[in-house]
């Protein structure tokens, strides 16, 4: 079992070379936004919520270099906001209301979803579009309904949630390193 899982993991990561150009383009978009004084908002559900927090922490803290803090907010972390919005507006609006209040033109919203079909991320992307917030999607499978709503979509070509999530964390680490090197 171990060898099979490891082989599947390595094959999934090797498949990222097919989408390398899009991954690099997303890194450049983030660097440009940060250079212009904008911030990065990140959202996702479940494991993707954890990835959102992880990426924001790498930017606010540091990844591999000692440097200034970069403005990033994981929209998955404030339990008072999440529970108030969930109670008052419904779970579908927990991210869109935050984008409405926190997003500014040319900020970046990263939506992370293995399926690309999360209603709360779809509404967040629509709100981002209305506000002039640029969107980057990090998906798996086919990219789902969200793929077409993004300014740039990165879709890991795999169907297995665990493999997609492993690829997502690799991509997020790549972006953190790319930002540190180029910011």
Protein backbone atom coordinates (compact mmCIF):
# COMPACT_ATOMS: atom_id res chain seq x y z
CA UNK A 1 0.00 0.00 0.00
CA UNK A 2 2.79 2.43 0.90
CA UNK A 3 4.58 1.96 -2.43
CA UNK A 4 1.35 2.37 -4.38
CA UNK A 5 0.41 5.60 -2.57
CA UNK A 6 3.91 6.97 -2.97
CA UNK A 7 3.91 6.15 -6.69
CA UNK A 8 0.48 7.83 -7.12
CA UNK A 9 1.74 10.89 -5.22
CA UNK A 10 4.84 11.19 -7.38
CA UNK A 11 2.84 10.77 -10.60
CA UNK A 12 0.45 13.52 -9.50
CA UNK A 13 3.30 15.90 -8.70
CA UNK A 14 5.03 15.08 -12.00
CA UNK A 15 1.81 16.00 -13.83
CA UNK A 16 2.18 19.57 -12.55
CA UNK A 17 4.76 20.19 -15.29
CA UNK A 18 1.78 20.27 -17.69
CA UNK A 19 0.36 23.31 -15.84
CA UNK A 20 3.67 24.90 -14.84
CA UNK A 21 3.07 28.00 -16.97
CA UNK A 22 -0.22 28.77 -15.18
CA UNK A 23 1.34 28.14 -11.76
CA UNK A 24 4.17 30.55 -12.58
CA UNK A 25 1.72 33.14 -13.97
CA UNK A 26 -0.24 33.04 -10.70
CA UNK A 27 2.98 33.63 -8.78
CA UNK A 28 3.72 36.67 -10.95
CA UNK A 29 0.19 38.03 -10.38
CA UNK A 30 0.70 37.79 -6.62
CA UNK A 31 4.12 39.44 -6.73
CA UNK A 32 2.73 42.31 -8.80
CA UNK A 33 -0.22 42.77 -6.44
CA UNK A 34 2.05 42.83 -3.38
CA UNK A 35 4.48 45.25 -5.05
CA UNK A 36 1.56 47.62 -5.66
CA UNK A 37 0.47 47.52 -2.01
CA UNK A 38 -2.39 45.06 -2.42
CA UNK A 39 -3.20 42.04 -0.30
CA UNK A 40 -3.95 38.38 -0.83
CA UNK A 41 -7.17 36.83 0.50
CA UNK A 42 -7.40 33.04 0.64
CA UNK A 43 -10.45 30.82 1.15
CA UNK A 44 -11.39 27.16 1.09
CA UNK A 45 -13.38 24.53 2.99
CA UNK A 46 -12.16 21.59 5.06
CA UNK A 47 -8.59 20.64 4.08
CA UNK A 48 -8.57 23.60 1.71
CA UNK A 49 -9.39 25.86 4.67
CA UNK A 50 -6.29 24.50 6.39
CA UNK A 51 -4.28 25.15 3.21
CA UNK A 52 -5.64 28.72 3.13
CA UNK A 53 -4.42 29.31 6.67
CA UNK A 54 -1.10 27.66 5.94
CA UNK A 55 -0.45 29.89 2.90
CA UNK A 56 -1.46 33.10 4.69
CA UNK A 57 0.85 32.14 7.57
CA UNK A 58 3.77 31.63 5.16
CA UNK A 59 3.21 35.15 3.77
CA UNK A 60 2.60 36.95 7.06
CA UNK A 61 5.45 35.13 8.81
CA UNK A 62 8.13 33.78 6.55
CA UNK A 63 8.63 30.84 4.29
CA UNK A 64 12.39 30.35 3.90
CA UNK A 65 13.76 33.90 4.16
CA UNK A 66 13.75 36.53 6.85
CA UNK A 67 11.85 39.46 5.29
CA UNK A 68 9.02 41.91 5.79
CA UNK A 69 5.54 40.56 6.37
CA UNK A 70 3.33 40.37 3.28
CA UNK A 71 -0.37 41.25 3.64
CA UNK A 72 -2.44 38.07 3.49
CA UNK A 73 -5.68 37.03 5.16
CA UNK A 74 -7.13 33.54 5.39
CA UNK A 75 -10.90 34.06 5.34
CA UNK A 76 -11.27 30.76 7.19
CA UNK A 77 -9.91 31.74 10.60
CA UNK A 78 -12.11 34.19 12.49
CA UNK A 79 -14.69 32.04 14.27
CA UNK A 80 -16.75 35.05 15.38
CA UNK A 81 -17.05 36.29 11.79
CA UNK A 82 -17.66 32.81 10.38
CA UNK A 83 -20.35 31.93 12.91
CA UNK A 84 -22.05 35.34 12.72
CA UNK A 85 -22.15 35.23 8.93
CA UNK A 86 -23.23 31.59 8.91
CA UNK A 87 -26.00 32.33 11.39
CA UNK A 88 -27.19 35.62 9.90
CA UNK A 89 -26.64 35.05 6.17
CA UNK A 90 -26.10 31.30 5.76
CA UNK A 91 -22.96 29.24 5.18
CA UNK A 92 -22.97 30.09 1.47
CA UNK A 93 -22.07 33.71 2.27
CA UNK A 94 -19.25 33.26 4.81
CA UNK A 95 -16.59 34.21 2.27
CA UNK A 96 -18.46 36.63 -0.01
CA UNK A 97 -19.31 38.95 2.88
CA UNK A 98 -15.65 39.01 3.90
CA UNK A 99 -14.55 39.75 0.33
CA UNK A 100 -17.14 42.53 0.25
CA UNK A 101 -15.72 44.07 3.43
CA UNK A 102 -12.01 43.36 3.02
CA UNK A 103 -11.37 43.20 -0.73
CA UNK A 104 -10.13 46.18 -2.69
CA UNK A 105 -9.54 46.56 -6.43
CA UNK A 106 -6.44 44.64 -7.55
CA UNK A 107 -6.24 42.59 -4.35
CA UNK A 108 -6.15 38.86 -5.06
CA UNK A 109 -8.59 36.22 -3.88
CA UNK A 110 -7.32 32.65 -4.03
CA UNK A 111 -10.10 30.05 -3.95
CA UNK A 112 -8.89 26.56 -3.06
CA UNK A 113 -11.21 23.64 -3.75
CA UNK A 114 -10.57 20.06 -4.79
CA UNK A 115 -13.94 19.95 -6.59
CA UNK A 116 -14.33 23.57 -7.69
CA UNK A 117 -18.03 23.44 -6.85
CA UNK A 118 -18.28 25.01 -3.39
CA UNK A 119 -21.20 27.46 -3.37
CA UNK A 120 -19.54 29.73 -0.79
CA UNK A 121 -16.46 30.07 -3.02
CA UNK A 122 -18.58 30.69 -6.11
CA UNK A 123 -20.32 33.58 -4.32
CA UNK A 124 -16.95 34.89 -3.09
CA UNK A 125 -15.59 34.84 -6.66
CA UNK A 126 -18.65 36.70 -7.93
CA UNK A 127 -18.24 39.34 -5.20
CA UNK A 128 -14.54 39.63 -6.02
CA UNK A 129 -15.36 40.20 -9.67
CA UNK A 130 -17.81 43.01 -8.81
CA UNK A 131 -15.19 44.66 -6.59
CA UNK A 132 -12.29 44.41 -9.04
CA UNK A 133 -10.48 41.81 -6.92
CA UNK A 134 -8.46 39.45 -9.13
CA UNK A 135 -9.13 35.75 -8.65
CA UNK A 136 -6.90 32.71 -8.78
CA UNK A 137 -8.41 29.25 -8.48
CA UNK A 138 -6.56 26.21 -7.19
CA UNK A 139 -8.65 23.15 -8.04
CA UNK A 140 -8.62 19.45 -8.84
CA UNK A 141 -10.74 17.17 -10.98
CA UNK A 142 -12.18 19.30 -13.81
CA UNK A 143 -12.08 22.59 -11.89
CA UNK A 144 -15.83 22.50 -11.45
CA UNK A 145 -18.11 25.51 -11.75
CA UNK A 146 -15.47 27.81 -10.27
CA UNK A 147 -12.96 27.27 -13.06
CA UNK A 148 -14.75 29.64 -15.43
CA UNK A 149 -15.28 32.31 -12.76
CA UNK A 150 -11.56 32.82 -12.10
CA UNK A 151 -9.17 35.21 -13.77
CA UNK A 152 -6.68 32.32 -13.66
CA UNK A 153 -7.42 28.68 -12.84
CA UNK A 154 -4.88 26.07 -11.86
CA UNK A 155 -6.45 22.62 -12.01
CA UNK A 156 -4.45 19.66 -10.73
CA UNK A 157 -5.13 16.86 -13.25
CA UNK A 158 -6.20 14.22 -10.75
CA UNK A 159 -9.45 12.79 -9.34
CA UNK A 160 -8.24 11.68 -5.89
CA UNK A 161 -8.80 14.27 -3.15
CA UNK A 162 -5.68 13.33 -1.18
CA UNK A 163 -3.43 13.57 -4.25
CA UNK A 164 -5.00 16.92 -5.22
CA UNK A 165 -4.41 18.29 -1.72
CA UNK A 166 -0.80 17.11 -1.76
CA UNK A 167 -0.29 18.90 -5.07
CA UNK A 168 -2.01 22.01 -3.72
CA UNK A 169 0.39 22.30 -0.79
CA UNK A 170 3.33 21.89 -3.16
CA UNK A 171 1.96 24.70 -5.35
CA UNK A 172 1.32 26.93 -2.31
CA UNK A 173 4.90 26.34 -1.13
CA UNK A 174 6.16 27.12 -4.63
CA UNK A 175 4.20 30.39 -4.59
CA UNK A 176 5.57 31.31 -1.16
CA UNK A 177 9.13 30.74 -2.39
CA UNK A 178 8.44 32.58 -5.67
CA UNK A 179 7.03 35.58 -3.82
CA UNK A 180 9.98 35.71 -1.43
CA UNK A 181 12.45 35.54 -4.31
CA UNK A 182 10.71 38.13 -6.50
CA UNK A 183 8.96 40.54 -4.14
